[in-house]
Amino acid sequence: MAHTATLTHGGFNLTARIANLIERVKENRARASEYTRTYTELQSLTDRELDDIGVRRCDIKDIARDHVYCS
């Protein structure tokens, strides 16, 4: 006796799900890259330059995170 399973689950499309996963991975990599770029640029400034723009060195991580993930 042969059994067959038929999926009739609405909206189940493996190709679309894989494409969605790939797109999310690309977006996350782009955000991580932007975070690193922002963090590195701010970290490379002198204390005087940071003071001129009103940024404390201890706040750089938070600023880079907010710039990328909260905007």
PDB file of N, CA and C in Angstrom:
ATOM      1  N   MET A   1       0.846  -1.163   0.000  1.00  0.00           N
ATOM      2  CA  MET A   1       0.000   0.000   0.000  1.00  0.00           C
ATOM      3  C   MET A   1       0.902   1.240   0.000  1.00  0.00           C
ATOM      4  N   ALA A   2       0.646   2.117  -0.902  1.00  0.00           N
ATOM      5  CA  ALA A   2       1.446   3.336  -1.010  1.00  0.00           C
ATOM      6  C   ALA A   2       0.688   4.497  -0.376  1.00  0.00           C
ATOM      7  N   HIS A   3       1.428   5.285   0.361  1.00  0.00           N
ATOM      8  CA  HIS A   3       0.843   6.474   0.983  1.00  0.00           C
ATOM      9  C   HIS A   3       1.477   7.712   0.357  1.00  0.00           C
ATOM     10  N   THR A   4       0.673   8.662   0.105  1.00  0.00           N
ATOM     11  CA  THR A   4       1.195   9.922  -0.410  1.00  0.00           C
ATOM     12  C   THR A   4       0.743  11.043   0.513  1.00  0.00           C
ATOM     13  N   ALA A   5       1.604  11.993   0.647  1.00  0.00           N
ATOM     14  CA  ALA A   5       1.265  13.163   1.459  1.00  0.00           C
ATOM     15  C   ALA A   5       1.154  14.356   0.532  1.00  0.00           C
ATOM     16  N   THR A   6       0.070  15.021   0.631  1.00  0.00           N
ATOM     17  CA  THR A   6      -0.150  16.213  -0.182  1.00  0.00           C
ATOM     18  C   THR A   6      -0.292  17.402   0.752  1.00  0.00           C
ATOM     19  N   LEU A   7       0.569  18.358   0.545  1.00  0.00           N
ATOM     20  CA  LEU A   7       0.491  19.571   1.346  1.00  0.00           C
ATOM     21  C   LEU A   7      -0.400  20.573   0.637  1.00  0.00           C
ATOM     22  N   THR A   8      -1.423  20.955   1.303  1.00  0.00           N
ATOM     23  CA  THR A   8      -2.304  21.980   0.753  1.00  0.00           C
ATOM     24  C   THR A   8      -2.332  23.168   1.708  1.00  0.00           C
ATOM     25  N   HIS A   9      -1.227  23.369   2.333  1.00  0.00           N
ATOM     26  CA  HIS A   9      -1.095  24.473   3.293  1.00  0.00           C
ATOM     27  C   HIS A   9      -1.064  25.783   2.528  1.00  0.00           C
ATOM     28  N   GLY A  10      -1.976  26.658   2.824  1.00  0.00           N
ATOM     29  CA  GLY A  10      -2.060  27.930   2.120  1.00  0.00           C
ATOM     30  C   GLY A  10      -0.805  28.764   2.307  1.00  0.00           C
ATOM     31  N   GLY A  11      -0.247  29.251   1.234  1.00  0.00           N
ATOM     32  CA  GLY A  11       0.903  30.132   1.285  1.00  0.00           C
ATOM     33  C   GLY A  11       2.235  29.416   1.421  1.00  0.00           C
ATOM     34  N   PHE A  12       2.266  28.106   1.401  1.00  0.00           N
ATOM     35  CA  PHE A  12       3.516  27.366   1.511  1.00  0.00           C
ATOM     36  C   PHE A  12       4.180  27.343   0.150  1.00  0.00           C
ATOM     37  N   ASN A  13       5.253  28.068   0.047  1.00  0.00           N
ATOM     38  CA  ASN A  13       5.999  28.135  -1.200  1.00  0.00           C
ATOM     39  C   ASN A  13       7.465  28.139  -0.827  1.00  0.00           C
ATOM     40  N   LEU A  14       8.104  27.008  -0.968  1.00  0.00           N
ATOM     41  CA  LEU A  14       9.482  26.856  -0.539  1.00  0.00           C
ATOM     42  C   LEU A  14      10.410  27.839  -1.228  1.00  0.00           C
ATOM     43  N   THR A  15      10.224  28.049  -2.496  1.00  0.00           N
ATOM     44  CA  THR A  15      11.065  28.975  -3.246  1.00  0.00           C
ATOM     45  C   THR A  15      10.944  30.388  -2.682  1.00  0.00           C
ATOM     46  N   ALA A  16       9.736  30.815  -2.397  1.00  0.00           N
ATOM     47  CA  ALA A  16       9.535  32.157  -1.835  1.00  0.00           C
ATOM     48  C   ALA A  16      10.142  32.267  -0.442  1.00  0.00           C
ATOM     49  N   ARG A  17      10.018  31.218   0.349  1.00  0.00           N
ATOM     50  CA  ARG A  17      10.588  31.238   1.702  1.00  0.00           C
ATOM     51  C   ARG A  17      12.110  31.309   1.649  1.00  0.00           C
ATOM     52  N   ILE A  18      12.717  30.575   0.731  1.00  0.00           N
ATOM     53  CA  ILE A  18      14.177  30.619   0.590  1.00  0.00           C
ATOM     54  C   ILE A  18      14.615  31.989   0.097  1.00  0.00           C
ATOM     55  N   ALA A  19      13.908  32.544  -0.859  1.00  0.00           N
ATOM     56  CA  ALA A  19      14.237  33.882  -1.368  1.00  0.00           C
ATOM     57  C   ALA A  19      14.119  34.916  -0.253  1.00  0.00           C
ATOM     58  N   ASN A  20      13.081  34.776   0.591  1.00  0.00           N
ATOM     59  CA  ASN A  20      12.890  35.678   1.718  1.00  0.00           C
ATOM     60  C   ASN A  20      14.045  35.552   2.697  1.00  0.00           C
ATOM     61  N   LEU A  21      14.479  34.337   2.984  1.00  0.00           N
ATOM     62  CA  LEU A  21      15.605  34.108   3.879  1.00  0.00           C
ATOM     63  C   LEU A  21      16.879  34.742   3.341  1.00  0.00           C
ATOM     64  N   ILE A  22      17.129  34.549   2.057  1.00  0.00           N
ATOM     65  CA  ILE A  22      18.323  35.135   1.442  1.00  0.00           C
ATOM     66  C   ILE A  22      18.279  36.650   1.524  1.00  0.00           C
ATOM     67  N   GLU A  23      17.120  37.235   1.280  1.00  0.00           N
ATOM     68  CA  GLU A  23      16.973  38.694   1.359  1.00  0.00           C
ATOM     69  C   GLU A  23      17.234  39.202   2.773  1.00  0.00           C
ATOM     70  N   ARG A  24      16.722  38.507   3.774  1.00  0.00           N
ATOM     71  CA  ARG A  24      16.961  38.905   5.166  1.00  0.00           C
ATOM     72  C   ARG A  24      18.433  38.798   5.527  1.00  0.00           C
ATOM     73  N   VAL A  25      19.098  37.770   5.053  1.00  0.00           N
ATOM     74  CA  VAL A  25      20.540  37.616   5.313  1.00  0.00           C
ATOM     75  C   VAL A  25      21.309  38.769   4.687  1.00  0.00           C
ATOM     76  N   LYS A  26      20.961  39.122   3.456  1.00  0.00           N
ATOM     77  CA  LYS A  26      21.619  40.254   2.789  1.00  0.00           C
ATOM     78  C   LYS A  26      21.402  41.552   3.559  1.00  0.00           C
ATOM     79  N   GLU A  27      20.163  41.786   4.011  1.00  0.00           N
ATOM     80  CA  GLU A  27      19.863  43.005   4.771  1.00  0.00           C
ATOM     81  C   GLU A  27      20.641  43.041   6.076  1.00  0.00           C
ATOM     82  N   ASN A  28      20.707  41.911   6.762  1.00  0.00           N
ATOM     83  CA  ASN A  28      21.440  41.859   8.028  1.00  0.00           C
ATOM     84  C   ASN A  28      22.938  42.086   7.826  1.00  0.00           C
ATOM     85  N   ARG A  29      23.480  41.540   6.752  1.00  0.00           N
ATOM     86  CA  ARG A  29      24.903  41.758   6.464  1.00  0.00           C
ATOM     87  C   ARG A  29      25.166  43.222   6.132  1.00  0.00           C
ATOM     88  N   ALA A  30      24.274  43.850   5.388  1.00  0.00           N
ATOM     89  CA  ALA A  30      24.429  45.260   5.043  1.00  0.00           C
ATOM     90  C   ALA A  30      24.356  46.124   6.303  1.00  0.00           C
ATOM     91  N   ARG A  31      23.432  45.796   7.200  1.00  0.00           N
ATOM     92  CA  ARG A  31      23.332  46.550   8.451  1.00  0.00           C
ATOM     93  C   ARG A  31      24.573  46.369   9.315  1.00  0.00           C
ATOM     94  N   ALA A  32      25.070  45.147   9.392  1.00  0.00           N
ATOM     95  CA  ALA A  32      26.278  44.886  10.175  1.00  0.00           C
ATOM     96  C   ALA A  32      27.462  45.647   9.603  1.00  0.00           C
ATOM     97  N   SER A  33      27.542  45.702   8.286  1.00  0.00           N
ATOM     98  CA  SER A  33      28.610  46.446   7.621  1.00  0.00           C
ATOM     99  C   SER A  33      28.497  47.940   7.918  1.00  0.00           C
ATOM    100  N   GLU A  34      27.283  48.467   7.858  1.00  0.00           N
ATOM    101  CA  GLU A  34      27.053  49.892   8.153  1.00  0.00           C
ATOM    102  C   GLU A  34      27.395  50.202   9.607  1.00  0.00           C
ATOM    103  N   TYR A  35      27.044  49.301  10.523  1.00  0.00           N
ATOM    104  CA  TYR A  35      27.391  49.480  11.938  1.00  0.00           C
ATOM    105  C   TYR A  35      28.906  49.551  12.106  1.00  0.00           C
ATOM    106  N   THR A  36      29.606  48.612  11.492  1.00  0.00           N
ATOM    107  CA  THR A  36      31.063  48.573  11.601  1.00  0.00           C
ATOM    108  C   THR A  36      31.690  49.840  11.029  1.00  0.00           C
ATOM    109  N   ARG A  37      31.182  50.280   9.883  1.00  0.00           N
ATOM    110  CA  ARG A  37      31.713  51.493   9.254  1.00  0.00           C
ATOM    111  C   ARG A  37      31.496  52.710  10.149  1.00  0.00           C
ATOM    112  N   THR A  38      30.294  52.855  10.681  1.00  0.00           N
ATOM    113  CA  THR A  38      29.981  53.985  11.550  1.00  0.00           C
ATOM    114  C   THR A  38      30.823  53.951  12.816  1.00  0.00           C
ATOM    115  N   TYR A  39      30.907  52.787  13.437  1.00  0.00           N
ATOM    116  CA  TYR A  39      31.688  52.630  14.668  1.00  0.00           C
ATOM    117  C   TYR A  39      33.153  52.962  14.415  1.00  0.00           C
ATOM    118  N   THR A  40      33.713  52.439  13.335  1.00  0.00           N
ATOM    119  CA  THR A  40      35.126  52.670  13.015  1.00  0.00           C
ATOM    120  C   THR A  40      35.407  54.140  12.742  1.00  0.00           C
ATOM    121  N   GLU A  41      34.512  54.782  12.004  1.00  0.00           N
ATOM    122  CA  GLU A  41      34.713  56.208  11.706  1.00  0.00           C
ATOM    123  C   GLU A  41      34.687  57.047  12.980  1.00  0.00           C
ATOM    124  N   LEU A  42      33.722  56.803  13.843  1.00  0.00           N
ATOM    125  CA  LEU A  42      33.643  57.573  15.084  1.00  0.00           C
ATOM    126  C   LEU A  42      34.834  57.258  16.001  1.00  0.00           C
ATOM    127  N   GLN A  43      35.221  55.999  16.058  1.00  0.00           N
ATOM    128  CA  GLN A  43      36.328  55.601  16.916  1.00  0.00           C
ATOM    129  C   GLN A  43      37.640  56.217  16.447  1.00  0.00           C
ATOM    130  N   SER A  44      37.762  56.498  15.152  1.00  0.00           N
ATOM    131  CA  SER A  44      39.004  57.056  14.619  1.00  0.00           C
ATOM    132  C   SER A  44      39.158  58.552  14.900  1.00  0.00           C
ATOM    133  N   LEU A  45      38.077  59.204  15.334  1.00  0.00           N
ATOM    134  CA  LEU A  45      38.160  60.632  15.656  1.00  0.00           C
ATOM    135  C   LEU A  45      38.934  60.837  16.954  1.00  0.00           C
ATOM    136  N   THR A  46      39.593  61.981  17.051  1.00  0.00           N
ATOM    137  CA  THR A  46      40.298  62.310  18.283  1.00  0.00           C
ATOM    138  C   THR A  46      39.288  62.726  19.345  1.00  0.00           C
ATOM    139  N   ASP A  47      39.742  62.752  20.589  1.00  0.00           N
ATOM    140  CA  ASP A  47      38.861  63.191  21.671  1.00  0.00           C
ATOM    141  C   ASP A  47      38.395  64.626  21.444  1.00  0.00           C
ATOM    142  N   ARG A  48      39.248  65.448  20.894  1.00  0.00           N
ATOM    143  CA  ARG A  48      38.896  66.842  20.606  1.00  0.00           C
ATOM    144  C   ARG A  48      37.778  66.911  19.557  1.00  0.00           C
ATOM    145  N   GLU A  49      37.931  66.115  18.498  1.00  0.00           N
ATOM    146  CA  GLU A  49      36.913  66.108  17.443  1.00  0.00           C
ATOM    147  C   GLU A  49      35.570  65.581  17.972  1.00  0.00           C
ATOM    148  N   LEU A  50      35.633  64.546  18.794  1.00  0.00           N
ATOM    149  CA  LEU A  50      34.405  64.026  19.398  1.00  0.00           C
ATOM    150  C   LEU A  50      33.756  65.074  20.285  1.00  0.00           C
ATOM    151  N   ASP A  51      34.575  65.796  21.050  1.00  0.00           N
ATOM    152  CA  ASP A  51      34.053  66.848  21.919  1.00  0.00           C
ATOM    153  C   ASP A  51      33.391  67.952  21.088  1.00  0.00           C
ATOM    154  N   ASP A  52      33.979  68.259  19.945  1.00  0.00           N
ATOM    155  CA  ASP A  52      33.412  69.294  19.072  1.00  0.00           C
ATOM    156  C   ASP A  52      32.013  68.924  18.574  1.00  0.00           C
ATOM    157  N   ILE A  53      31.764  67.648  18.365  1.00  0.00           N
ATOM    158  CA  ILE A  53      30.441  67.234  17.875  1.00  0.00           C
ATOM    159  C   ILE A  53      29.549  66.737  19.009  1.00  0.00           C
ATOM    160  N   GLY A  54      30.048  66.825  20.234  1.00  0.00           N
ATOM    161  CA  GLY A  54      29.228  66.493  21.393  1.00  0.00           C
ATOM    162  C   GLY A  54      29.052  65.004  21.636  1.00  0.00           C
ATOM    163  N   VAL A  55      30.071  64.224  21.328  1.00  0.00           N
ATOM    164  CA  VAL A  55      29.995  62.769  21.498  1.00  0.00           C
ATOM    165  C   VAL A  55      31.070  62.327  22.475  1.00  0.00           C
ATOM    166  N   ARG A  56      30.650  61.501  23.434  1.00  0.00           N
ATOM    167  CA  ARG A  56      31.631  60.903  24.343  1.00  0.00           C
ATOM    168  C   ARG A  56      32.070  59.569  23.761  1.00  0.00           C
ATOM    169  N   ARG A  57      33.334  59.238  23.954  1.00  0.00           N
ATOM    170  CA  ARG A  57      33.864  57.995  23.397  1.00  0.00           C
ATOM    171  C   ARG A  57      33.077  56.774  23.887  1.00  0.00           C
ATOM    172  N   CYS A  58      32.620  56.817  25.125  1.00  0.00           N
ATOM    173  CA  CYS A  58      31.876  55.678  25.679  1.00  0.00           C
ATOM    174  C   CYS A  58      30.494  55.518  25.038  1.00  0.00           C
ATOM    175  N   ASP A  59      30.024  56.516  24.292  1.00  0.00           N
ATOM    176  CA  ASP A  59      28.711  56.451  23.645  1.00  0.00           C
ATOM    177  C   ASP A  59      28.765  55.999  22.187  1.00  0.00           C
ATOM    178  N   ILE A  60      29.945  55.739  21.674  1.00  0.00           N
ATOM    179  CA  ILE A  60      30.093  55.423  20.248  1.00  0.00           C
ATOM    180  C   ILE A  60      29.322  54.166  19.868  1.00  0.00           C
ATOM    181  N   LYS A  61      29.395  53.111  20.673  1.00  0.00           N
ATOM    182  CA  LYS A  61      28.660  51.876  20.356  1.00  0.00           C
ATOM    183  C   LYS A  61      27.161  52.144  20.242  1.00  0.00           C
ATOM    184  N   ASP A  62      26.636  52.897  21.221  1.00  0.00           N
ATOM    185  CA  ASP A  62      25.204  53.191  21.213  1.00  0.00           C
ATOM    186  C   ASP A  62      24.810  54.039  20.008  1.00  0.00           C
ATOM    187  N   ILE A  63      25.632  55.003  19.672  1.00  0.00           N
ATOM    188  CA  ILE A  63      25.344  55.876  18.527  1.00  0.00           C
ATOM    189  C   ILE A  63      25.346  55.075  17.236  1.00  0.00           C
ATOM    190  N   ALA A  64      26.338  54.211  17.061  1.00  0.00           N
ATOM    191  CA  ALA A  64      26.415  53.388  15.846  1.00  0.00           C
ATOM    192  C   ALA A  64      25.222  52.442  15.766  1.00  0.00           C
ATOM    193  N   ARG A  65      24.853  51.820  16.893  1.00  0.00           N
ATOM    194  CA  ARG A  65      23.710  50.908  16.912  1.00  0.00           C
ATOM    195  C   ARG A  65      22.413  51.648  16.574  1.00  0.00           C
ATOM    196  N   ASP A  66      22.204  52.807  17.215  1.00  0.00           N
ATOM    197  CA  ASP A  66      20.988  53.581  16.959  1.00  0.00           C
ATOM    198  C   ASP A  66      20.923  54.046  15.501  1.00  0.00           C
ATOM    199  N   HIS A  67      22.058  54.431  14.961  1.00  0.00           N
ATOM    200  CA  HIS A  67      22.127  54.898  13.566  1.00  0.00           C
ATOM    201  C   HIS A  67      21.671  53.809  12.602  1.00  0.00           C
ATOM    202  N   VAL A  68      22.083  52.573  12.875  1.00  0.00           N
ATOM    203  CA  VAL A  68      21.815  51.481  11.938  1.00  0.00           C
ATOM    204  C   VAL A  68      20.493  50.771  12.224  1.00  0.00           C
ATOM    205  N   TYR A  69      20.217  50.474  13.471  1.00  0.00           N
ATOM    206  CA  TYR A  69      19.100  49.597  13.788  1.00  0.00           C
ATOM    207  C   TYR A  69      17.836  50.336  14.244  1.00  0.00           C
ATOM    208  N   CYS A  70      17.936  51.618  14.543  1.00  0.00           N
ATOM    209  CA  CYS A  70      16.760  52.344  15.050  1.00  0.00           C
ATOM    210  C   CYS A  70      16.290  53.434  14.089  1.00  0.00           C
ATOM    211  N   SER A  71      16.846  53.464  12.905  1.00  0.00           N
ATOM    212  CA  SER A  71      16.419  54.508  11.969  1.00  0.00           C
ATOM    213  C   SER A  71      15.640  53.944  10.829  1.00  0.00           C
TER     214      SER A  71
END
